[in-house]
Protein backbone atom coordinates (compact mmCIF):
# COMPACT_ATOMS: atom_id res chain seq x y z
CA UNK A 1 119.36 2.88 137.55
CA UNK A 2 118.39 3.75 134.03
CA UNK A 3 115.65 6.42 134.01
CA UNK A 4 112.62 6.66 131.75
CA UNK A 5 111.91 10.04 130.22
CA UNK A 6 109.83 11.60 127.45
CA UNK A 7 111.07 10.51 124.05
CA UNK A 8 109.63 10.02 120.59
CA UNK A 9 111.04 6.50 120.72
CA UNK A 10 109.65 5.58 124.06
CA UNK A 11 106.86 3.37 122.70
CA UNK A 12 109.10 1.63 120.07
CA UNK A 13 108.09 -2.08 119.97
CA UNK A 14 109.08 -5.29 118.24
CA UNK A 15 106.90 -8.43 117.75
CA UNK A 16 107.96 -11.91 116.88
CA UNK A 17 108.11 -12.14 113.09
CA UNK A 18 105.64 -14.26 111.15
CA UNK A 19 107.11 -17.62 109.91
CA UNK A 20 106.73 -16.60 106.28
CA UNK A 21 109.02 -13.64 106.90
CA UNK A 22 111.91 -15.76 108.21
CA UNK A 23 114.84 -17.29 106.36
CA UNK A 24 115.10 -21.00 107.30
CA UNK A 25 116.94 -24.24 106.43
CA UNK A 26 120.40 -22.70 106.77
CA UNK A 27 123.04 -25.30 107.97
CA UNK A 28 125.32 -23.04 110.01
CA UNK A 29 129.02 -23.38 110.45
CA UNK A 30 130.14 -24.70 113.86
CA UNK A 31 133.09 -22.30 114.27
CA UNK A 32 132.90 -20.04 117.28
CA UNK A 33 134.53 -16.75 118.18
CA UNK A 34 133.97 -13.06 118.94
CA UNK A 35 132.25 -12.29 115.64
CA UNK A 36 128.58 -11.42 115.19
CA UNK A 37 128.04 -14.40 112.90
CA UNK A 38 125.77 -12.39 110.59
CA UNK A 39 126.17 -9.11 108.72
CA UNK A 40 123.82 -7.26 106.30
CA UNK A 41 123.60 -4.52 103.77
CA UNK A 42 120.39 -2.86 102.58
CA UNK A 43 119.92 -5.75 100.12
CA UNK A 44 121.63 -8.89 101.36
CA UNK A 45 122.78 -10.65 104.57
CA UNK A 46 125.63 -13.16 104.92
CA UNK A 47 126.20 -16.10 107.21
CA UNK A 48 128.83 -18.92 107.29
CA UNK A 49 127.68 -22.39 106.27
CA UNK A 50 128.70 -25.82 107.51
CA UNK A 51 130.97 -27.67 105.06
CA UNK A 52 134.46 -27.79 103.62
CA UNK A 53 135.93 -24.85 101.67
CA UNK A 54 134.31 -22.09 103.74
CA UNK A 55 130.90 -21.86 102.04
CA UNK A 56 128.78 -18.80 102.74
CA UNK A 57 125.02 -18.15 102.32
CA UNK A 58 124.19 -14.73 100.97
CA UNK A 59 120.43 -14.22 101.18
CA UNK A 60 118.26 -11.44 99.85
CA UNK A 61 116.37 -9.44 102.47
CA UNK A 62 113.32 -9.21 100.19
CA UNK A 63 113.20 -12.98 99.57
CA UNK A 64 112.44 -14.84 102.83
CA UNK A 65 112.12 -18.54 102.46
CA UNK A 66 113.91 -21.84 102.76
CA UNK A 67 117.52 -22.45 101.79
CA UNK A 68 118.37 -25.93 100.47
CA UNK A 69 121.93 -27.20 100.28
CA UNK A 70 122.63 -28.53 96.78
CA UNK A 71 119.92 -26.40 95.22
CA UNK A 72 120.22 -22.85 96.42
CA UNK A 73 123.47 -21.14 95.18
CA UNK A 74 126.07 -20.16 97.72
CA UNK A 75 129.44 -18.35 97.83
CA UNK A 76 132.62 -20.39 98.15
CA UNK A 77 136.32 -19.89 97.59
CA UNK A 78 138.20 -20.11 100.87
CA UNK A 79 140.03 -23.26 101.91
CA UNK A 80 139.11 -22.89 105.57
CA UNK A 81 135.98 -21.85 107.59
CA UNK A 82 134.78 -18.31 107.19
CA UNK A 83 134.82 -16.42 110.56
CA UNK A 84 133.56 -12.95 109.72
CA UNK A 85 132.26 -10.76 106.93
CA UNK A 86 131.50 -7.07 106.39
CA UNK A 87 129.51 -5.36 103.63
CA UNK A 88 130.91 -2.30 101.90
CA UNK A 89 128.84 0.69 103.23
CA UNK A 90 129.00 2.27 99.76
CA UNK A 91 127.97 -0.83 97.74
CA UNK A 92 125.23 -3.14 98.95
CA UNK A 93 126.41 -5.96 96.66
CA UNK A 94 130.08 -5.98 97.83
CA UNK A 95 131.35 -7.72 100.91
CA UNK A 96 134.59 -9.04 102.37
CA UNK A 97 135.10 -12.40 104.07
CA UNK A 98 137.69 -13.45 106.65
CA UNK A 99 138.77 -17.07 106.99
CA UNK A 100 140.84 -19.57 108.97
CA UNK A 101 142.98 -19.90 105.78
CA UNK A 102 144.61 -16.53 106.73
CA UNK A 103 143.14 -14.71 103.70
CA UNK A 104 140.56 -11.99 103.11
CA UNK A 105 138.47 -12.15 99.92
CA UNK A 106 136.31 -9.43 98.37
CA UNK A 107 133.11 -10.52 96.60
CA UNK A 108 130.49 -8.82 94.41
CA UNK A 109 127.01 -10.37 94.33
CA UNK A 110 125.53 -10.48 90.81
CA UNK A 111 122.26 -8.66 90.14
CA UNK A 112 120.42 -11.93 89.32
CA UNK A 113 121.41 -13.66 92.64
CA UNK A 114 118.30 -15.60 93.85
CA UNK A 115 118.84 -18.36 96.44
CA UNK A 116 115.04 -18.42 96.89
CA UNK A 117 112.20 -17.47 94.52
CA UNK A 118 109.38 -15.06 95.16
CA UNK A 119 107.35 -17.84 96.73
CA UNK A 120 110.03 -18.60 99.30
CA UNK A 121 111.09 -21.86 97.68
CA UNK A 122 114.74 -22.77 97.05
CA UNK A 123 115.82 -21.76 93.54
CA UNK A 124 118.61 -23.50 91.65
CA UNK A 125 121.52 -21.39 90.53
CA UNK A 126 125.28 -21.29 90.03
CA UNK A 127 127.55 -20.87 92.94
CA UNK A 128 129.75 -17.71 93.16
CA UNK A 129 133.34 -19.01 93.24
CA UNK A 130 135.43 -16.17 91.80
CA UNK A 131 136.36 -13.33 94.19
CA UNK A 132 137.25 -9.84 93.09
CA UNK A 133 140.56 -10.00 94.87
CA UNK A 134 142.39 -11.67 97.73
CA UNK A 135 144.29 -9.87 100.53
CA UNK A 136 147.17 -11.86 101.96
CA UNK A 137 149.38 -10.78 104.84
CA UNK A 138 148.11 -12.24 108.06
CA UNK A 139 150.10 -15.22 109.40
CA UNK A 140 147.18 -16.85 111.22
CA UNK A 141 143.37 -16.95 110.86
CA UNK A 142 141.62 -13.67 110.23
CA UNK A 143 138.94 -13.10 112.88
CA UNK A 144 137.20 -9.71 112.37
CA UNK A 145 136.57 -7.27 109.50
CA UNK A 146 135.35 -3.67 109.57
CA UNK A 147 134.98 -1.34 106.51
CA UNK A 148 135.88 2.32 106.92
CA UNK A 149 132.77 4.48 107.58
CA UNK A 150 133.63 7.42 105.29
CA UNK A 151 136.51 6.51 102.91
CA UNK A 152 135.97 4.22 99.98
CA UNK A 153 137.78 0.85 99.89
CA UNK A 154 139.52 0.94 103.25
CA UNK A 155 139.24 -2.12 105.46
CA UNK A 156 140.39 -3.09 108.98
CA UNK A 157 141.17 -6.69 109.79
CA UNK A 158 142.17 -8.47 113.04
CA UNK A 159 143.88 -11.86 113.27
CA UNK A 160 145.03 -14.59 115.67
CA UNK A 161 148.52 -13.33 114.89
CA UNK A 162 147.70 -10.52 117.34
CA UNK A 163 147.70 -7.71 114.75
CA UNK A 164 145.29 -5.19 113.26
CA UNK A 165 145.96 -4.30 109.61
CA UNK A 166 144.39 -1.46 107.65
CA UNK A 167 144.11 -2.19 103.94
CA UNK A 168 143.68 -0.13 100.81
CA UNK A 169 141.51 -2.63 99.09
CA UNK A 170 141.76 -1.22 95.60
CA UNK A 171 145.51 -1.28 95.65
CA UNK A 172 145.65 -4.49 97.61
CA UNK A 173 148.25 -3.13 100.05
CA UNK A 174 148.56 -2.58 103.77
CA UNK A 175 148.28 1.01 104.97
CA UNK A 176 149.31 0.36 108.58
CA UNK A 177 149.93 -2.61 110.95
CA UNK A 178 149.44 -2.42 114.69
CA UNK A 179 151.11 -5.17 116.68
CA UNK A 180 151.24 -4.03 120.36
CA UNK A 181 148.80 -6.57 121.86
CA UNK A 182 151.31 -8.97 123.26
CA UNK A 183 149.88 -12.53 123.05
CA UNK A 184 146.24 -11.38 123.52
CA UNK A 185 143.46 -12.26 121.12
CA UNK A 186 141.46 -9.28 119.91
CA UNK A 187 137.76 -9.28 120.87
CA UNK A 188 136.49 -6.27 118.92
CA UNK A 189 137.55 -3.38 116.66
CA UNK A 190 135.39 -0.33 115.82
CA UNK A 191 135.92 2.88 113.85
CA UNK A 192 134.91 6.30 115.15
CA UNK A 193 132.40 8.38 113.20
CA UNK A 194 135.04 10.00 110.91
CA UNK A 195 137.32 6.99 110.65
CA UNK A 196 140.27 8.88 112.19
CA UNK A 197 140.67 6.44 115.05
CA UNK A 198 139.83 2.85 115.71
CA UNK A 199 139.42 1.20 119.13
CA UNK A 200 140.21 -2.36 120.05
CA UNK A 201 139.48 -4.67 122.96
CA UNK A 202 141.40 -7.87 123.71
CA UNK A 203 142.00 -10.59 126.24
CA UNK A 204 144.21 -8.39 128.48
CA UNK A 205 141.05 -6.32 129.29
CA UNK A 206 142.60 -3.10 127.96
CA UNK A 207 140.96 -0.88 125.30
CA UNK A 208 143.44 0.65 122.89
CA UNK A 209 142.80 3.72 120.66
CA UNK A 210 144.97 3.71 117.49
CA UNK A 211 145.70 6.14 114.69
CA UNK A 212 144.91 3.97 111.62
CA UNK A 213 147.00 5.98 109.15
CA UNK A 214 150.31 5.21 110.93
CA UNK A 215 149.44 2.39 113.31
CA UNK A 216 150.35 4.35 116.43
CA UNK A 217 148.49 3.97 119.83
CA UNK A 218 147.17 7.35 120.94
CA UNK A 219 145.53 6.38 124.26
CA UNK A 220 144.40 3.43 126.33
CA UNK A 221 141.93 2.31 129.00
CA UNK A 222 143.54 -0.19 131.44
CA UNK A 223 141.31 -3.01 132.69
CA UNK A 224 138.07 -1.63 131.34
CA UNK A 225 136.16 -4.52 132.76
CA UNK A 226 137.27 -7.12 135.35
CA UNK A 227 135.43 -10.22 133.93
CA UNK A 228 136.75 -12.77 131.46
CA UNK A 229 133.94 -12.32 128.86
CA UNK A 230 134.53 -10.49 125.59
CA UNK A 231 134.46 -6.71 125.75
CA UNK A 232 132.44 -5.10 122.95
CA UNK A 233 132.72 -1.41 121.93
CA UNK A 234 130.75 1.38 120.28
CA UNK A 235 131.43 5.03 119.54
CA UNK A 236 128.49 7.28 120.43
CA UNK A 237 128.58 9.31 117.19
CA UNK A 238 130.30 12.72 117.35
CA UNK A 239 129.48 13.28 121.05
CA UNK A 240 132.95 12.50 122.29
CA UNK A 241 131.62 9.58 124.28
CA UNK A 242 132.43 5.90 124.01
CA UNK A 243 130.72 2.71 125.23
CA UNK A 244 132.12 -0.62 126.36
CA UNK A 245 130.18 -3.71 127.46
CA UNK A 246 131.68 -6.52 129.50
CA UNK A 247 131.44 -8.31 132.87
CA UNK A 248 132.60 -7.96 136.48
CA UNK A 249 130.19 -9.57 138.93
CA UNK A 250 127.45 -9.13 136.30
CA UNK A 251 127.15 -7.94 132.74
CA UNK A 252 127.67 -4.23 132.62
CA UNK A 253 127.79 -1.15 130.37
CA UNK A 254 130.22 1.71 130.79
CA UNK A 255 130.20 5.14 129.23
CA UNK A 256 133.55 6.89 128.82
CA UNK A 257 134.62 10.51 128.00
CA UNK A 258 137.23 10.25 125.24
CA UNK A 259 138.89 13.36 126.68
CA UNK A 260 139.38 11.71 130.12
CA UNK A 261 139.69 7.95 130.08
CA UNK A 262 140.91 7.62 133.71
CA UNK A 263 137.46 6.47 134.89
CA UNK A 264 133.97 5.85 133.33
CA UNK A 265 131.33 8.50 133.46
CA UNK A 266 128.77 5.88 134.43
CA UNK A 267 128.75 2.11 135.10
CA UNK A 268 125.44 0.26 134.94
CA UNK A 269 124.92 -3.36 135.87
CA UNK A 270 122.55 -5.18 133.42
CA UNK A 271 122.07 -8.82 134.56
CA UNK A 272 123.98 -11.97 135.48
CA UNK A 273 123.50 -13.88 132.20
CA UNK A 274 126.68 -15.55 130.75
CA UNK A 275 126.66 -14.39 127.08
CA UNK A 276 128.63 -11.40 125.74
CA UNK A 277 126.63 -8.15 125.46
CA UNK A 278 126.49 -6.82 121.91
CA UNK A 279 125.75 -3.05 121.62
CA UNK A 280 123.92 -2.14 118.34
CA UNK A 281 123.90 1.64 118.29
CA UNK A 282 121.89 3.69 115.82
CA UNK A 283 123.75 6.94 115.44
CA UNK A 284 120.89 8.68 113.63
CA UNK A 285 118.32 8.24 116.36
CA UNK A 286 120.72 7.82 119.31
CA UNK A 287 118.97 4.53 120.22
CA UNK A 288 121.04 1.67 121.61
CA UNK A 289 119.77 -1.91 121.17
CA UNK A 290 121.53 -3.96 123.81
CA UNK A 291 121.62 -7.62 122.86
CA UNK A 292 123.03 -10.67 124.45
CA UNK A 293 124.56 -13.67 122.67
CA UNK A 294 122.82 -16.81 123.87
CA UNK A 295 119.66 -15.10 125.20
CA UNK A 296 116.40 -13.86 123.68
CA UNK A 297 116.20 -10.35 125.19
CA UNK A 298 116.95 -7.08 123.38
CA UNK A 299 116.77 -3.90 125.54
CA UNK A 300 116.33 -0.48 123.84
CA UNK A 301 117.89 2.57 125.38
CA UNK A 302 118.26 6.21 124.29
CA UNK A 303 121.54 7.90 124.62
CA UNK A 304 121.81 11.51 125.70
CA UNK A 305 125.06 13.47 125.92
CA UNK A 306 124.53 14.37 129.61
CA UNK A 307 124.21 12.46 132.81
CA UNK A 308 122.86 9.80 133.32
CA UNK A 309 123.53 9.23 129.55
CA UNK A 310 121.38 6.17 129.02
CA UNK A 311 117.58 6.13 129.39
CA UNK A 312 115.62 2.86 129.23
CA UNK A 313 112.84 3.15 126.62
CA UNK A 314 110.75 0.09 127.56
CA UNK A 315 111.04 -3.61 128.34
CA UNK A 316 112.12 -4.31 124.75
CA UNK A 317 111.86 -7.62 122.86
CA UNK A 318 111.63 -11.00 124.62
CA UNK A 319 111.85 -14.43 122.95
CA UNK A 320 112.38 -17.95 124.13
CA UNK A 321 114.69 -18.58 121.18
CA UNK A 322 118.32 -17.65 121.99
CA UNK A 323 120.37 -15.59 119.57
CA UNK A 324 123.59 -16.91 118.08
CA UNK A 325 124.33 -13.57 116.41
CA UNK A 326 122.71 -10.24 115.59
CA UNK A 327 123.23 -7.20 113.35
CA UNK A 328 121.51 -3.97 112.39
CA UNK A 329 120.31 -3.55 108.81
CA UNK A 330 121.12 -0.14 107.25
CA UNK A 331 118.17 2.20 107.63
CA UNK A 332 117.81 2.56 103.88
CA UNK A 333 116.18 -0.88 103.82
CA UNK A 334 113.50 -0.05 106.44
CA UNK A 335 109.81 0.36 105.73
CA UNK A 336 109.79 4.10 106.35
CA UNK A 337 106.07 4.70 105.80
CA UNK A 338 105.27 1.94 108.33
CA UNK A 339 107.45 3.81 110.88
CA UNK A 340 110.01 0.99 111.07
CA UNK A 341 112.82 2.83 112.83
CA UNK A 342 115.21 -0.14 113.04
CA UNK A 343 115.55 -3.68 111.82
CA UNK A 344 117.74 -6.31 113.52
CA UNK A 345 118.58 -9.63 111.98
CA UNK A 346 118.64 -12.34 114.63
CA UNK A 347 120.52 -15.54 113.75
CA UNK A 348 119.40 -18.59 115.68
CA UNK A 349 121.09 -21.99 115.93
CA UNK A 350 118.29 -24.13 114.52
CA UNK A 351 115.58 -21.78 113.40
CA UNK A 352 117.18 -19.60 110.70
CA UNK A 353 117.31 -15.86 110.50
CA UNK A 354 114.52 -13.78 112.14
CA UNK A 355 114.00 -10.12 110.95
CA UNK A 356 113.09 -8.11 114.04
CA UNK A 357 111.19 -4.97 113.02
CA UNK A 358 111.22 -2.12 115.56
CA UNK A 359 108.32 0.26 115.01
CA UNK A 360 107.12 3.56 116.57
CA UNK A 361 103.25 3.58 116.61
CA UNK A 362 101.88 6.56 114.70
CA UNK A 363 98.36 7.24 113.40
CA UNK A 364 99.35 9.49 110.48
CA UNK A 365 100.24 8.14 107.11
CA UNK A 366 102.63 10.99 106.37
CA UNK A 367 106.43 10.85 106.57
CA UNK A 368 107.45 11.24 110.25
CA UNK A 369 110.54 13.48 110.10
CA UNK A 370 110.89 13.56 113.91
CA UNK A 371 111.74 9.82 114.09
CA UNK A 372 113.57 9.63 110.81
CA UNK A 373 116.50 12.10 110.77
CA UNK A 374 118.91 12.05 107.86
CA UNK A 375 120.84 8.77 107.66
CA UNK A 376 124.21 7.75 106.22
CA UNK A 377 124.16 7.61 102.42
CA UNK A 378 125.99 5.34 99.96
CA UNK A 379 128.30 8.08 98.70
CA UNK A 380 131.77 8.04 100.27
CA UNK A 381 132.99 11.31 101.78
CA UNK A 382 136.50 10.86 100.34
CA UNK A 383 138.77 8.39 98.58
CA UNK A 384 141.28 6.13 100.27
CA UNK A 385 144.16 8.27 99.05
CA UNK A 386 142.57 11.48 100.29
CA UNK A 387 141.96 9.84 103.68
CA UNK A 388 145.53 8.60 103.86
CA UNK A 389 146.75 12.15 103.27
CA UNK A 390 144.84 13.46 106.26
CA UNK A 391 141.29 14.20 105.05
CA UNK A 392 138.77 13.98 107.94
CA UNK A 393 135.07 14.09 107.12
CA UNK A 394 131.83 12.95 108.55
CA UNK A 395 129.70 10.54 106.49
CA UNK A 396 127.51 11.98 103.75
CA UNK A 397 123.84 11.85 104.71
CA UNK A 398 120.56 11.52 102.87
CA UNK A 399 116.85 12.11 103.64
CA UNK A 400 114.65 9.04 104.22
CA UNK A 401 111.54 10.86 102.97
CA UNK A 402 110.21 8.82 100.03
CA UNK A 403 109.08 12.01 98.33
CA UNK A 404 112.75 13.10 98.07
CA UNK A 405 113.99 9.71 96.98
CA UNK A 406 114.66 10.83 93.38
CA UNK A 407 116.59 13.88 94.59
CA UNK A 408 118.88 12.23 97.17
CA UNK A 409 121.25 9.32 97.14
CA UNK A 410 119.05 6.63 98.69
CA UNK A 411 120.21 3.73 96.54
CA UNK A 412 123.39 1.85 96.20
CA UNK A 413 125.30 1.71 92.92
CA UNK A 414 127.84 -1.00 92.22
CA UNK A 415 131.32 0.32 92.67
CA UNK A 416 133.79 -0.26 89.88
CA UNK A 417 136.75 -1.70 91.76
CA UNK A 418 140.03 -1.55 89.80
CA UNK A 419 142.39 -4.15 91.11
CA UNK A 420 145.64 -5.64 89.76
CA UNK A 421 143.75 -8.84 89.01
CA UNK A 422 140.91 -7.07 87.11
CA UNK A 423 143.34 -4.84 85.14
CA UNK A 424 145.43 -7.88 84.29
CA UNK A 425 142.37 -9.70 83.05
CA UNK A 426 141.28 -6.71 80.90
CA UNK A 427 144.82 -6.43 79.47
CA UNK A 428 144.83 -10.15 78.61
CA UNK A 429 141.43 -9.87 76.85
CA UNK A 430 142.63 -6.74 74.99
CA UNK A 431 145.78 -8.50 73.82
CA UNK A 432 143.72 -11.52 72.53
CA UNK A 433 141.39 -9.13 70.74
CA UNK A 434 144.38 -7.37 69.10
CA UNK A 435 145.83 -10.70 68.03
CA UNK A 436 142.53 -11.71 66.48
CA UNK A 437 142.21 -8.38 64.57
CA UNK A 438 145.76 -8.59 63.36
CA UNK A 439 145.08 -12.09 61.97
CA UNK A 440 141.96 -10.80 60.16
CA UNK A 441 143.93 -7.96 58.56
CA UNK A 442 146.60 -10.37 57.49
CA UNK A 443 144.06 -12.75 55.92
CA UNK A 444 142.59 -9.80 54.01
CA UNK A 445 145.98 -8.69 52.75
CA UNK A 446 145.83 -5.33 54.52
CA UNK A 447 149.11 -3.83 55.74
CA UNK A 448 149.15 -2.25 59.18
């Protein structure tokens, strides 16, 4: 069984959010799959909406309130339903969307984006319909997206054509393509801490570890879990350990040693519920939030790089409202001085988005450095080209101490993405400008 031990996170708690802090009125898409259904940056969150053309709602975290179809602006541009999204870890305003129309689109949210006003009421605005670029290459619907954790503008995508593609987003080209899945749909794909390897799970119950630069499989776990439910994955930071969640006779968690994948280090049964287990792991604090799709319970555990590896912190968060999807918000968005160590967005079927704030009770008003270690910053460790050539780096980190905010990179700046489409547009505008100036010179009788 999981043991309880002394920990600074032992008393972390989460209460049901107040109604005025929730995001409501969102008509959700009816598509189903292995995706999380909701993703977030430190400024925005994205969910797929019901309706033709793959509409998406991008809400501001600081503007809870009611979304109204026909009034609140939304994002649209696909010709099929949107299945997954992922925010760029180095630009809070940029995200990618994957659709049943086989394409991936990259979007940039404008600075004046306001689906709701500061009173929580729907605010009229123009829809965002023009994407930064489109990535085409998959032959069937694109199901999952994951941005690279350390290199700028590198994206992993999975598809119903049984492939994983790694993209150089800025160049709009495929870096590698892995196809050795047979006819098995892919359940999950995750990057390791450096982005040197990605792991996948699929319907054949095997977990594959792949070199993303060349698309070559380096190792494999055969039949990681016996059950038919989706297998979800998580790297445990730089510890050399790996987690998988799945089912056999019950829902279970397994911890693996990446140096010896022949058998798990530990297997722990959780419960007999039917939904897939979703592991949300905070690498900074080594706290795992174990969530279940379709239920209202979130269990917090602390990971330690020695047996028994997982330690239960407390009974966690319980709710009568089942979760359709969940995601962790980047720690840069947390209320640090209120000791909010994590924030999980819980997407419900009929009750909108609930922000679940996990707080460690402290009496002092000072910055608590023991529960807020340095977190991942918004500065990439290397470029896509450097990574492709073999560069291997851990993510850059920053202090969460508000007193050091002006000295560290704790804010996200919009990335200037140069694509073929954007350069072509600039060239066209420059040519029109040149033509206009030439005409003015000619009218003035000036030779040039």
